[in-house]
Amino acid sequence: MVIRVETSMRQMPQQHLLDNTNNIHEQTTSLEHQQVAGGSPDVSMKRQHSTPLPELSITCFGHFEIKRAGQPVTLCPNRNAQAILRYLTAQADYKASAEKLVTVVWPEEELEAVQNKLHIAISALRRSLHAGLSPRTEPGYLVCKHRTYSLNPVATIRTDVGEFLHYYQMGQRASSERVTFYEKACGLYKGPFLPEDLYADWSFPLREQLKHTYLTMCRALATHYLQSRAYEEAATWSTKIIAQDPCDEVAHRQLMQIYTAQGYRSEAIRQYYLCERVLHQELGVQPMKATTQLFHNLLKGEFSA
């Protein structure tokens, strides 16, 4: 990210969710130091006479899209190449071995049997990422070293996932600005993580963890606005929760409370029946005691905002 947050942007999504923040910072800072110190004199001389790579912006929520210097990149039609790029985008430091890419993209085949397919996919990917750039732009976005492919560490890369996690982290640290940071983070969540890989085993844990983080922030926002009696805002966040998890009873109860506080008693009762029906259809259970008690209080007119 460019608030000097390239650190956050270059980490893999699950790295943030599974490791502690300090470890991530140390690992990424170490990587940046390696990038600065790691070039040979020859490479440094070449870079003095080359054009820097334009910034890449990568969208993973809701759909996969890449923009180069703000302009959409038309990726090659090779589906295997696109799958490789999505996988690299989700990995630590945007890298993976050739062996790992083969197991992800061609799970039924041996490495030796698909070497040519891998090379064709990588070449197609490089051409599409580099299309229209000056021949002096060097090196490319996709590099290979010791049979490990990666997005070039010298390139500036932004991802919506990286920004999402950055704002979540900031909200965790700054309680006074938590609402602002959480709203910024949630605004980036346009849908599930990499829906193009919805049935891929490797993407499922990341998708679920990111969804869990999103719902955690939505619940915090709904509770904050309900307690502040900002009912329209509270309803917005409770509704977003139910859109992702229709069986979330707390969100259903919050909407019942919100509608009642706004004087929409019939809407509150309707929300209870919706909750009851969804729980029965999806889980085969009845609403919890807290939900039914709220419903009976509404019927008796005993609810107070």
Foldseek 3Di string as FASTA:
>chain_A
DPVPVLLLFQFALVCPVPDPPVVSSVVSVVVVVCVVPVDDPVVVVLVVQFDEFFEWEWEFAPATWIAGNNHTFDADPPPLLVVLQLVLSNHGSSKDALQVSCCQSVVVDDSVVCVVVVVVSVVSRQCRQCPPPDPRHDDTQWDDDPRMIGGDPSHRYGYLSSLLSVLLVVLVVDVVCNLVSLVVSLVSNPHFGRVVCVPGPVCVVSRVSVVVSNLVSLVVQLVVCVVVLVLVSNLVSLVVNCVVPVQPVVSLQSVLLSCVQVVNLVVSLVSLVSNQVCCCVPPVDGDDPVSVVSNVCSVVVNDDD
